[in-house]
Protein backbone atom coordinates (compact mmCIF):
# COMPACT_ATOMS: atom_id res chain seq x y z
CA UNK A 1 28.72 120.05 196.73
CA UNK A 2 29.65 116.95 198.01
CA UNK A 3 33.23 115.76 198.95
CA UNK A 4 35.18 113.38 196.14
CA UNK A 5 34.78 111.18 199.30
CA UNK A 6 31.59 111.41 200.58
CA UNK A 7 30.09 111.34 196.89
CA UNK A 8 32.15 108.09 196.82
CA UNK A 9 31.37 106.35 199.63
CA UNK A 10 27.42 107.01 198.90
CA UNK A 11 28.04 105.69 195.54
CA UNK A 12 29.35 102.17 197.16
CA UNK A 13 26.71 102.17 199.65
CA UNK A 14 24.14 102.15 197.07
CA UNK A 15 26.09 99.96 195.15
CA UNK A 16 26.93 97.00 197.58
CA UNK A 17 22.80 97.14 198.49
CA UNK A 18 21.80 96.78 195.42
CA UNK A 19 24.37 93.84 194.82
CA UNK A 20 25.45 92.26 198.12
CA UNK A 21 28.28 90.31 198.03
CA UNK A 22 29.83 92.48 195.24
CA UNK A 23 32.98 94.46 195.44
CA UNK A 24 34.23 95.31 191.92
CA UNK A 25 31.38 97.40 189.84
CA UNK A 26 34.12 99.06 187.14
CA UNK A 27 33.26 99.00 183.45
CA UNK A 28 37.05 99.76 182.77
CA UNK A 29 39.38 96.85 181.06
CA UNK A 30 43.04 98.09 182.41
CA UNK A 31 45.23 100.66 180.91
CA UNK A 32 48.72 99.01 179.12
CA UNK A 33 51.59 100.29 181.58
CA UNK A 34 53.79 100.90 178.71
CA UNK A 35 54.02 103.22 175.94
CA UNK A 36 52.93 101.81 172.51
CA UNK A 37 55.83 103.24 170.21
CA UNK A 38 55.93 105.73 167.90
CA UNK A 39 55.60 103.45 164.74
CA UNK A 40 53.00 101.04 166.30
CA UNK A 41 50.68 104.28 167.51
CA UNK A 42 51.04 106.69 164.52
CA UNK A 43 49.67 103.39 161.96
CA UNK A 44 46.71 102.99 164.71
CA UNK A 45 45.95 106.79 164.61
CA UNK A 46 46.50 107.27 160.53
CA UNK A 47 44.13 104.06 160.08
CA UNK A 48 41.41 105.47 162.36
CA UNK A 49 41.21 108.21 160.51
CA UNK A 50 41.91 107.11 157.16
CA UNK A 51 38.67 104.85 157.77
CA UNK A 52 36.41 107.93 159.06
CA UNK A 53 37.52 109.85 156.30
CA UNK A 54 36.57 107.32 153.87
CA UNK A 55 33.47 106.22 155.54
CA UNK A 56 32.34 109.72 156.43
CA UNK A 57 33.73 112.31 154.95
CA UNK A 58 34.98 110.78 151.13
CA UNK A 59 35.37 114.39 149.37
CA UNK A 60 37.62 115.32 152.34
CA UNK A 61 41.61 115.29 151.83
CA UNK A 62 43.49 112.72 153.76
CA UNK A 63 46.90 114.33 153.95
CA UNK A 64 48.92 111.98 156.45
CA UNK A 65 52.03 112.83 158.28
CA UNK A 66 54.28 110.78 156.03
CA UNK A 67 53.06 113.12 152.93
CA UNK A 68 53.40 116.61 154.39
CA UNK A 69 56.99 115.87 156.29
CA UNK A 70 58.16 114.60 152.43
CA UNK A 71 56.35 117.79 151.01
CA UNK A 72 58.50 120.57 153.15
CA UNK A 73 61.68 118.56 152.90
CA UNK A 74 61.85 118.42 149.11
CA UNK A 75 61.17 122.72 149.84
CA UNK A 76 64.13 122.69 151.53
CA UNK A 77 62.71 123.06 155.01
CA UNK A 78 64.94 121.04 157.64
CA UNK A 79 64.49 122.63 160.56
CA UNK A 80 60.92 120.84 161.81
CA UNK A 81 59.82 118.53 164.58
CA UNK A 82 56.39 116.35 164.41
CA UNK A 83 54.34 118.09 167.22
CA UNK A 84 50.27 117.50 168.23
CA UNK A 85 48.95 114.01 168.58
CA UNK A 86 51.31 112.32 165.95
CA UNK A 87 54.80 113.84 167.91
CA UNK A 88 53.67 112.35 170.75
CA UNK A 89 51.11 109.30 170.30
CA UNK A 90 53.91 107.00 170.84
CA UNK A 91 54.35 107.79 174.33
CA UNK A 92 50.91 107.00 174.78
CA UNK A 93 49.91 103.69 175.87
CA UNK A 94 46.71 103.78 174.19
CA UNK A 95 46.73 105.47 170.91
CA UNK A 96 43.89 107.72 169.70
CA UNK A 97 43.44 109.72 166.63
CA UNK A 98 43.59 113.53 165.12
CA UNK A 99 41.79 115.23 162.68
CA UNK A 100 44.87 117.27 161.69
CA UNK A 101 48.95 117.67 161.61
CA UNK A 102 50.91 119.62 163.22
CA UNK A 103 54.33 120.63 162.11
CA UNK A 104 56.65 123.08 164.09
CA UNK A 105 58.88 124.77 161.42
CA UNK A 106 61.55 127.72 162.01
CA UNK A 107 60.58 131.15 161.38
CA UNK A 108 63.03 131.10 158.34
CA UNK A 109 61.19 128.68 156.41
CA UNK A 110 57.63 128.54 157.53
CA UNK A 111 57.12 130.83 154.13
CA UNK A 112 58.76 127.72 151.72
CA UNK A 113 56.74 124.95 153.44
CA UNK A 114 53.35 126.99 153.04
CA UNK A 115 54.71 127.73 149.42
CA UNK A 116 54.79 123.54 149.05
CA UNK A 117 52.28 122.78 151.27
CA UNK A 118 49.74 125.02 148.71
CA UNK A 119 51.31 123.83 145.90
CA UNK A 120 50.93 120.05 146.24
CA UNK A 121 47.38 120.70 148.13
CA UNK A 122 46.02 123.87 146.28
CA UNK A 123 42.49 123.17 147.50
CA UNK A 124 43.72 124.05 151.26
CA UNK A 125 42.67 127.11 152.32
CA UNK A 126 45.64 129.04 154.36
CA UNK A 127 44.74 131.38 157.78
CA UNK A 128 47.74 132.76 158.75
CA UNK A 129 48.09 133.96 162.19
CA UNK A 130 50.70 134.98 164.48
CA UNK A 131 50.89 131.99 166.08
CA UNK A 132 50.16 129.50 163.47
CA UNK A 133 49.08 129.08 159.59
CA UNK A 134 45.80 126.96 159.82
CA UNK A 135 45.02 124.80 156.49
CA UNK A 136 41.41 124.00 155.85
CA UNK A 137 40.23 121.54 153.64
CA UNK A 138 36.88 122.84 151.58
CA UNK A 139 35.98 119.20 151.38
CA UNK A 140 35.82 118.75 155.92
CA UNK A 141 33.09 120.63 156.99
CA UNK A 142 31.83 120.43 160.91
CA UNK A 143 28.63 120.14 162.23
CA UNK A 144 28.84 124.03 162.93
CA UNK A 145 29.75 124.64 159.16
CA UNK A 146 32.95 125.77 159.80
CA UNK A 147 35.99 124.44 157.14
CA UNK A 148 38.11 121.92 159.73
CA UNK A 149 41.89 122.64 160.06
CA UNK A 150 43.99 119.59 158.77
CA UNK A 151 46.97 121.03 159.25
CA UNK A 152 49.17 123.49 161.24
CA UNK A 153 51.99 125.01 160.77
CA UNK A 154 53.30 125.91 164.04
CA UNK A 155 55.65 129.02 164.74
CA UNK A 156 58.40 128.96 167.25
CA UNK A 157 56.78 131.27 168.97
CA UNK A 158 58.22 131.05 173.07
CA UNK A 159 61.09 129.47 174.44
CA UNK A 160 59.93 126.43 175.03
CA UNK A 161 59.30 125.71 171.40
CA UNK A 162 62.58 127.35 170.38
CA UNK A 163 64.27 124.57 172.63
CA UNK A 164 61.76 121.69 171.11
CA UNK A 165 63.02 123.08 167.73
CA UNK A 166 66.92 123.32 167.90
CA UNK A 167 67.83 120.91 170.71
CA UNK A 168 64.80 118.73 172.16
CA UNK A 169 63.67 116.20 169.84
CA UNK A 170 64.36 112.65 168.34
CA UNK A 171 64.52 111.12 164.76
CA UNK A 172 62.53 107.82 165.36
CA UNK A 173 64.19 104.98 163.33
CA UNK A 174 61.21 103.51 162.14
CA UNK A 175 59.42 106.33 160.61
CA UNK A 176 62.30 108.89 159.74
CA UNK A 177 60.11 111.37 162.03
CA UNK A 178 61.41 114.02 164.22
CA UNK A 179 59.58 114.12 167.44
CA UNK A 180 59.32 115.70 170.72
CA UNK A 181 61.20 113.60 173.27
CA UNK A 182 59.21 112.82 176.56
CA UNK A 183 59.84 115.67 178.13
CA UNK A 184 59.03 118.13 175.68
CA UNK A 185 55.65 116.15 175.22
CA UNK A 186 54.84 116.49 178.97
CA UNK A 187 56.11 120.40 178.73
CA UNK A 188 54.09 121.49 175.63
CA UNK A 189 51.11 119.53 177.14
CA UNK A 190 51.54 121.45 180.51
CA UNK A 191 51.52 124.70 178.71
CA UNK A 192 48.47 123.79 176.95
CA UNK A 193 47.05 122.81 180.54
CA UNK A 194 48.12 125.78 182.35
CA UNK A 195 47.77 128.49 179.09
CA UNK A 196 44.81 131.76 179.95
CA UNK A 197 43.97 131.23 176.25
CA UNK A 198 43.58 127.32 175.78
CA UNK A 199 39.61 126.42 175.65
CA UNK A 200 38.35 124.85 178.78
CA UNK A 201 37.32 121.53 176.84
CA UNK A 202 40.42 121.62 175.04
CA UNK A 203 42.79 121.73 178.61
CA UNK A 204 40.74 118.97 179.97
CA UNK A 205 41.92 116.22 176.45
CA UNK A 206 45.57 117.72 177.27
CA UNK A 207 45.10 116.51 180.76
CA UNK A 208 44.38 113.31 179.75
CA UNK A 209 46.99 113.19 177.43
CA UNK A 210 49.83 114.20 180.25
CA UNK A 211 48.85 111.91 182.67
CA UNK A 212 48.83 109.42 179.95
CA UNK A 213 52.27 109.96 178.90
CA UNK A 214 53.77 110.64 182.30
CA UNK A 215 52.38 107.02 184.09
CA UNK A 216 53.45 105.28 180.83
CA UNK A 217 56.76 106.61 180.77
CA UNK A 218 57.07 106.60 184.48
CA UNK A 219 60.48 105.16 184.24
CA UNK A 220 62.22 107.19 181.54
CA UNK A 221 61.08 110.47 182.04
CA UNK A 222 64.23 112.52 183.15
CA UNK A 223 62.75 114.92 185.80
CA UNK A 224 65.60 117.85 185.70
CA UNK A 225 64.68 117.91 181.68
CA UNK A 226 61.42 118.29 182.12
CA UNK A 227 62.19 121.20 185.18
CA UNK A 228 64.43 122.71 182.39
CA UNK A 229 61.96 123.16 179.72
CA UNK A 230 59.03 123.76 181.83
CA UNK A 231 60.88 126.53 183.77
CA UNK A 232 61.33 128.45 179.72
CA UNK A 233 57.18 128.82 179.98
CA UNK A 234 57.17 130.99 182.90
CA UNK A 235 59.38 131.08 186.33
CA UNK A 236 58.18 128.89 188.47
CA UNK A 237 56.78 126.26 186.25
CA UNK A 238 59.51 123.88 186.31
CA UNK A 239 58.89 122.94 189.63
CA UNK A 240 55.21 122.37 189.27
CA UNK A 241 55.51 120.16 186.00
CA UNK A 242 57.62 118.06 188.36
CA UNK A 243 54.29 118.57 190.73
CA UNK A 244 51.90 117.81 188.12
CA UNK A 245 53.92 114.41 186.92
CA UNK A 246 53.62 113.20 190.89
CA UNK A 247 49.93 114.06 190.70
CA UNK A 248 49.24 112.25 187.53
CA UNK A 249 51.50 109.24 188.35
CA UNK A 250 49.89 109.03 191.69
CA UNK A 251 45.99 109.52 190.31
CA UNK A 252 45.19 112.34 191.56
CA UNK A 253 43.70 115.79 190.01
CA UNK A 254 45.57 118.62 188.67
CA UNK A 255 44.92 121.95 190.42
CA UNK A 256 43.22 124.10 187.43
């Protein structure tokens, strides 16, 4: 297999021969250099999913993070953090969409959260596991015939998620959402990238998100906190996440 350097040189030679005098052959628009902010990112991501469901899945349920949070809080759940895309979308320069809402909930309160969710949305089908309780919408069927997940009630199954739940989160002043701090979002994404249990295809999206957060929040990342949180994943994770942050910010590939 060719090295990236040789491959790039061959492509440049071919394009410069075809278009003499031209040097810029990029199809890309510049990526914004700063994060969107949670309220704006949340609105854009929600609007994309709302339009998709109304247009292509009219029989499906569109459950917003606002509705889910309102439901579990009314049931007395007070130890929760919004995770997944909705938890870190404000740290991305370019928001994207997701079909499910992920909420990290204290082990002692997750049963109450599940009961409240099923009371409000009785059509949902729960699929309970040791890591997460997935709630599937029978009106949202994938191309493979699988009933799609619309809510993940996440258990704090390791020291990183326990730390996020107990300390390393903030409350967004505009939405009232409880979110992981930047360093916690990076640590969660890093954990997914290096996990031996994560599907390879999903690791690729995790890597894209990690890069976007690391580059868009370059001056806001506390490296000591990032080190501290990643060290909770496995011994040596703290130093390695700092190396991943540097690779992201200097546009170099990850060693995975």
